[in-house]
N, C-alpha and C. Protein backbone atom coordinates (compact mmCIF):
# COMPACT_ATOMS: atom_id res chain seq x y z
N MET A 1 0.99 -66.78 -2.17
CA MET A 1 1.77 -65.75 -1.58
C MET A 1 0.78 -65.59 -0.25
N THR A 2 1.46 -65.41 1.02
CA THR A 2 0.85 -65.03 1.98
C THR A 2 0.11 -63.95 2.19
N ASN A 3 -0.63 -63.37 3.34
CA ASN A 3 -0.98 -61.97 3.37
C ASN A 3 0.07 -61.20 3.88
N GLU A 4 1.20 -61.54 4.85
CA GLU A 4 2.32 -60.72 4.95
C GLU A 4 2.90 -60.71 3.89
N GLU A 5 3.02 -61.34 3.05
CA GLU A 5 4.07 -61.14 1.55
C GLU A 5 3.14 -60.25 0.58
N LEU A 6 1.90 -60.29 0.78
CA LEU A 6 0.88 -59.24 0.17
C LEU A 6 1.16 -57.97 0.49
N LEU A 7 1.12 -57.77 1.91
CA LEU A 7 0.97 -56.37 2.58
C LEU A 7 2.46 -55.91 2.34
N GLY A 8 3.36 -56.70 2.35
CA GLY A 8 4.58 -55.87 1.82
C GLY A 8 4.83 -55.54 0.57
N LYS A 9 4.26 -56.31 -0.30
CA LYS A 9 4.24 -56.00 -1.77
C LYS A 9 3.51 -54.07 -1.57
N ILE A 10 2.60 -54.62 -1.02
CA ILE A 10 1.46 -53.14 -1.34
C ILE A 10 2.32 -52.51 -0.28
N ALA A 11 3.02 -52.35 0.94
CA ALA A 11 3.80 -51.18 1.43
C ALA A 11 4.83 -50.84 0.60
N GLU A 12 5.76 -51.57 -0.31
CA GLU A 12 6.68 -51.30 -1.06
C GLU A 12 6.47 -50.26 -2.50
N PHE A 13 5.05 -50.67 -2.50
CA PHE A 13 4.35 -49.90 -3.43
C PHE A 13 4.32 -48.40 -2.83
N LEU A 14 3.22 -48.53 -1.84
CA LEU A 14 2.66 -47.29 -1.25
C LEU A 14 4.26 -46.10 -0.41
N ASN A 15 5.06 -46.97 -0.02
CA ASN A 15 6.20 -46.17 0.69
C ASN A 15 6.50 -44.72 -0.49
N PRO A 16 6.85 -45.17 -1.28
CA PRO A 16 7.25 -44.02 -2.23
C PRO A 16 6.15 -42.96 -2.56
N ILE A 17 4.85 -43.39 -2.77
CA ILE A 17 3.71 -42.57 -3.13
C ILE A 17 3.79 -41.45 -2.15
N ALA A 18 3.55 -42.19 -0.28
CA ALA A 18 3.36 -41.46 0.71
C ALA A 18 4.67 -40.31 0.85
N LYS A 19 5.96 -40.95 0.51
CA LYS A 19 7.20 -39.86 0.50
C LYS A 19 6.88 -38.59 0.00
N ASP A 20 6.45 -39.05 -1.77
CA ASP A 20 6.14 -38.03 -2.58
C ASP A 20 5.01 -36.86 -2.32
N ILE A 21 4.03 -37.97 -1.40
CA ILE A 21 2.74 -36.65 -0.96
C ILE A 21 3.41 -36.03 0.21
N SER A 22 4.45 -36.21 1.25
CA SER A 22 4.67 -35.53 2.04
C SER A 22 5.53 -34.61 1.77
N GLN A 23 6.60 -34.82 0.55
CA GLN A 23 7.43 -33.82 0.45
C GLN A 23 6.19 -32.46 -0.69
N MET A 24 5.77 -33.15 -0.85
CA MET A 24 4.40 -32.20 -1.65
C MET A 24 3.91 -31.42 -0.62
N LYS A 25 3.38 -31.67 0.24
CA LYS A 25 2.99 -31.12 1.46
C LYS A 25 3.70 -29.89 1.91
N THR A 26 5.15 -30.59 2.05
CA THR A 26 5.81 -29.20 2.69
C THR A 26 6.40 -28.33 1.67
N GLU A 27 6.15 -28.67 0.40
CA GLU A 27 6.79 -27.81 -0.29
C GLU A 27 5.36 -26.77 -0.66
N LEU A 28 4.11 -27.25 -0.48
CA LEU A 28 3.09 -26.43 -0.56
C LEU A 28 3.00 -25.78 0.60
N LEU A 29 3.47 -25.81 1.87
CA LEU A 29 3.63 -24.99 2.80
C LEU A 29 4.67 -23.94 2.70
N HIS A 30 5.75 -24.00 1.99
CA HIS A 30 6.51 -23.28 1.68
C HIS A 30 6.18 -22.35 1.02
N LEU A 31 5.47 -22.66 -0.47
CA LEU A 31 4.52 -21.97 -1.01
C LEU A 31 3.48 -21.01 -0.07
N LYS A 32 2.91 -21.76 0.62
CA LYS A 32 1.80 -20.64 1.35
C LYS A 32 2.56 -19.70 2.33
N SER A 33 3.90 -19.98 2.77
CA SER A 33 4.65 -18.95 3.73
C SER A 33 5.16 -17.83 2.25
N ALA A 34 5.59 -18.21 1.41
CA ALA A 34 5.69 -17.19 0.91
C ALA A 34 4.98 -16.27 0.36
N GLY A 35 3.75 -16.72 -0.13
CA GLY A 35 2.48 -16.12 -0.72
C GLY A 35 2.36 -15.44 0.87
N ASP A 36 2.24 -15.42 1.94
CA ASP A 36 2.05 -14.87 2.97
C ASP A 36 2.76 -13.81 3.05
N ALA A 37 3.96 -13.98 2.95
CA ALA A 37 5.05 -12.94 3.30
C ALA A 37 5.09 -12.03 2.08
N LEU A 38 4.74 -12.59 0.84
CA LEU A 38 4.69 -11.10 -0.09
C LEU A 38 3.61 -10.28 0.16
N LYS A 39 2.33 -11.37 0.36
CA LYS A 39 1.35 -10.40 0.65
C LYS A 39 1.44 -9.40 1.83
N ALA A 40 2.15 -9.80 3.15
CA ALA A 40 2.43 -8.69 3.93
C ALA A 40 3.29 -7.71 3.71
N GLY A 41 4.35 -8.00 2.56
CA GLY A 41 5.04 -6.90 1.90
C GLY A 41 4.20 -5.97 1.14
N GLN A 42 3.66 -6.52 0.37
CA GLN A 42 2.46 -5.58 -0.29
C GLN A 42 1.56 -4.90 0.22
N ASP A 43 0.84 -5.15 1.34
CA ASP A 43 0.29 -4.45 2.07
C ASP A 43 0.84 -2.89 2.86
N ASP A 44 2.35 -3.72 3.30
CA ASP A 44 3.15 -2.53 3.94
C ASP A 44 3.70 -1.57 2.82
N LEU A 45 3.76 -2.25 1.65
CA LEU A 45 3.85 -1.20 0.72
C LEU A 45 2.41 -0.33 0.18
N ARG A 46 1.26 -0.65 0.31
CA ARG A 46 0.17 -0.04 -0.08
C ARG A 46 0.10 1.29 0.80
N ALA A 47 0.48 0.59 2.32
CA ALA A 47 0.25 1.58 3.39
C ALA A 47 1.23 2.53 3.35
N GLU A 48 2.65 2.43 2.90
CA GLU A 48 3.53 3.57 2.79
C GLU A 48 3.09 4.16 1.70
N LEU A 49 2.92 4.03 0.50
CA LEU A 49 2.60 4.84 -0.42
C LEU A 49 0.88 5.74 -0.47
N ALA A 50 0.35 4.83 0.58
CA ALA A 50 -1.09 5.57 1.02
C ALA A 50 -0.62 6.86 1.95
N LYS A 51 0.72 6.91 2.62
CA LYS A 51 0.93 7.50 3.60
C LYS A 51 1.55 9.11 2.62
N LYS A 52 2.28 8.83 1.42
CA LYS A 52 2.92 9.32 0.79
C LYS A 52 1.67 10.31 -0.07
N ALA A 53 1.00 9.55 -0.21
CA ALA A 53 0.32 10.31 -1.46
C ALA A 53 -1.11 11.50 -0.85
N GLU A 54 -1.08 10.94 1.06
CA GLU A 54 -1.67 11.95 1.83
C GLU A 54 -0.73 13.14 2.01
N LYS A 55 0.58 13.00 1.97
CA LYS A 55 1.32 13.79 2.06
C LYS A 55 1.43 15.06 1.37
N ALA A 56 1.43 13.98 -0.34
CA ALA A 56 1.68 14.90 -1.28
C ALA A 56 0.48 15.63 -1.61
N ASP A 57 -0.77 15.13 -1.07
CA ASP A 57 -2.22 15.82 -1.30
C ASP A 57 -2.05 16.94 -0.28
N ILE A 58 -1.88 16.96 1.12
CA ILE A 58 -1.43 17.97 1.81
C ILE A 58 -0.30 19.31 1.10
N HIS A 59 0.68 18.72 0.89
CA HIS A 59 1.61 19.54 0.49
C HIS A 59 0.53 20.78 -0.91
N ARG A 60 -0.10 19.88 -1.86
CA ARG A 60 -0.79 20.78 -2.65
C ARG A 60 -1.93 21.45 -2.04
N VAL A 61 -1.96 20.97 -1.39
CA VAL A 61 -3.39 21.68 -0.86
C VAL A 61 -2.62 23.35 0.29
N GLU A 62 -1.55 22.56 0.69
CA GLU A 62 -0.91 24.13 1.05
C GLU A 62 -0.28 24.81 0.04
N GLN A 63 -0.09 24.58 -0.95
CA GLN A 63 0.49 25.28 -1.96
C GLN A 63 -0.56 26.07 -2.62
N LYS A 64 -1.90 25.43 -2.78
CA LYS A 64 -2.94 26.37 -3.09
C LYS A 64 -3.52 27.12 -1.84
N LEU A 65 -3.24 26.98 -0.82
CA LEU A 65 -3.47 27.97 0.14
C LEU A 65 -2.81 29.16 0.16
N ASP A 66 -1.81 28.53 0.05
CA ASP A 66 -0.62 29.71 0.22
C ASP A 66 -0.88 30.76 -1.10
N THR A 67 -1.06 30.41 -2.17
CA THR A 67 -1.55 30.78 -3.63
C THR A 67 -2.87 31.85 -3.13
N SER A 68 -3.55 31.43 -2.75
CA SER A 68 -4.81 32.17 -2.53
C SER A 68 -4.75 33.01 -1.38
N ASN A 69 -3.99 32.88 -0.33
CA ASN A 69 -3.55 34.03 0.59
C ASN A 69 -2.63 34.85 0.10
N LYS A 70 -1.77 34.54 -1.15
CA LYS A 70 -1.49 35.81 -2.06
C LYS A 70 -2.27 36.65 -2.32
N HIS A 71 -2.96 36.15 -3.16
CA HIS A 71 -3.84 36.42 -3.94
C HIS A 71 -5.23 37.59 -3.09
N LEU A 72 -5.28 36.82 -2.06
CA LEU A 72 -6.13 38.00 -1.11
C LEU A 72 -5.32 39.03 -0.39
N GLN A 73 -3.71 38.57 -0.49
CA GLN A 73 -3.55 40.11 0.45
C GLN A 73 -3.70 41.00 -0.99
N ASP A 74 -2.86 40.25 -2.26
CA ASP A 74 -3.20 41.35 -3.38
C ASP A 74 -4.84 42.05 -3.47
N HIS A 75 -5.36 41.61 -3.31
CA HIS A 75 -6.52 42.36 -3.27
C HIS A 75 -7.32 43.55 -2.52
N GLU A 76 -6.50 42.81 -0.91
CA GLU A 76 -6.67 44.21 0.09
C GLU A 76 -6.01 45.09 -0.29
N GLU A 77 -4.56 45.05 -0.99
CA GLU A 77 -3.55 46.32 -0.84
C GLU A 77 -4.46 46.66 -2.05
N ARG A 78 -5.05 46.30 -2.67
CA ARG A 78 -5.57 47.11 -4.02
C ARG A 78 -7.02 47.97 -3.35
N LEU A 79 -7.83 47.53 -2.31
CA LEU A 79 -8.88 47.85 -1.99
C LEU A 79 -8.30 49.08 -1.02
N GLU A 80 -7.03 48.72 -0.19
CA GLU A 80 -6.70 49.61 0.61
C GLU A 80 -6.01 50.97 -0.12
N ALA A 81 -5.32 50.86 -1.22
CA ALA A 81 -5.09 51.91 -2.22
C ALA A 81 -6.17 52.69 -2.66
N LEU A 82 -7.64 51.58 -3.15
CA LEU A 82 -8.43 52.52 -3.38
C LEU A 82 -9.12 52.90 -2.47
N GLU A 83 -8.79 52.90 -1.12
CA GLU A 83 -9.82 53.66 -0.29
C GLU A 83 -8.92 54.65 -0.02
N ASP A 84 -7.73 55.08 -0.22
CA ASP A 84 -6.79 55.94 0.38
C ASP A 84 -6.95 56.99 -0.72
N GLN A 85 -7.07 56.67 -2.03
CA GLN A 85 -7.32 57.35 -3.00
C GLN A 85 -8.58 58.23 -2.93
N ARG A 86 -9.91 57.41 -2.63
CA ARG A 86 -11.22 57.61 -2.31
C ARG A 86 -10.91 58.86 -1.11
N SER A 87 -10.56 58.75 -0.27
CA SER A 87 -10.41 59.51 0.80
C SER A 87 -9.79 60.81 0.61
N THR A 88 -8.73 60.49 0.09
CA THR A 88 -7.47 62.03 -0.65
C THR A 88 -8.65 62.83 -1.37
N HIS A 89 -9.12 61.99 -2.20
CA HIS A 89 -10.21 62.61 -3.38
C HIS A 89 -11.05 63.80 -2.74
N LYS A 90 -11.65 63.04 -1.45
CA LYS A 90 -12.80 63.76 -0.75
C LYS A 90 -12.47 64.79 -0.20
N ASN A 91 -11.05 65.19 0.62
CA ASN A 91 -10.79 66.03 1.32
C ASN A 91 -10.53 67.14 0.75
């Protein structure tokens, strides 16, 4: 067997392996792209959820402030009523 024949047989053996490796590289690149897209989508979802959580937190704080303000107004009204009663009794 000559060197050329030997090289030809080696090439016949290696060509399918090289094609398989090339296909694997392509598939890995597709998987990497899909993984990157998935991560980007998750990052977007996290950002949106964080915004919604902030809005919900702000809404809860506003509700608490409204309740506190109502309580303060109630107390102020009671104090004014007591002061009116006191001033009426003094006269």
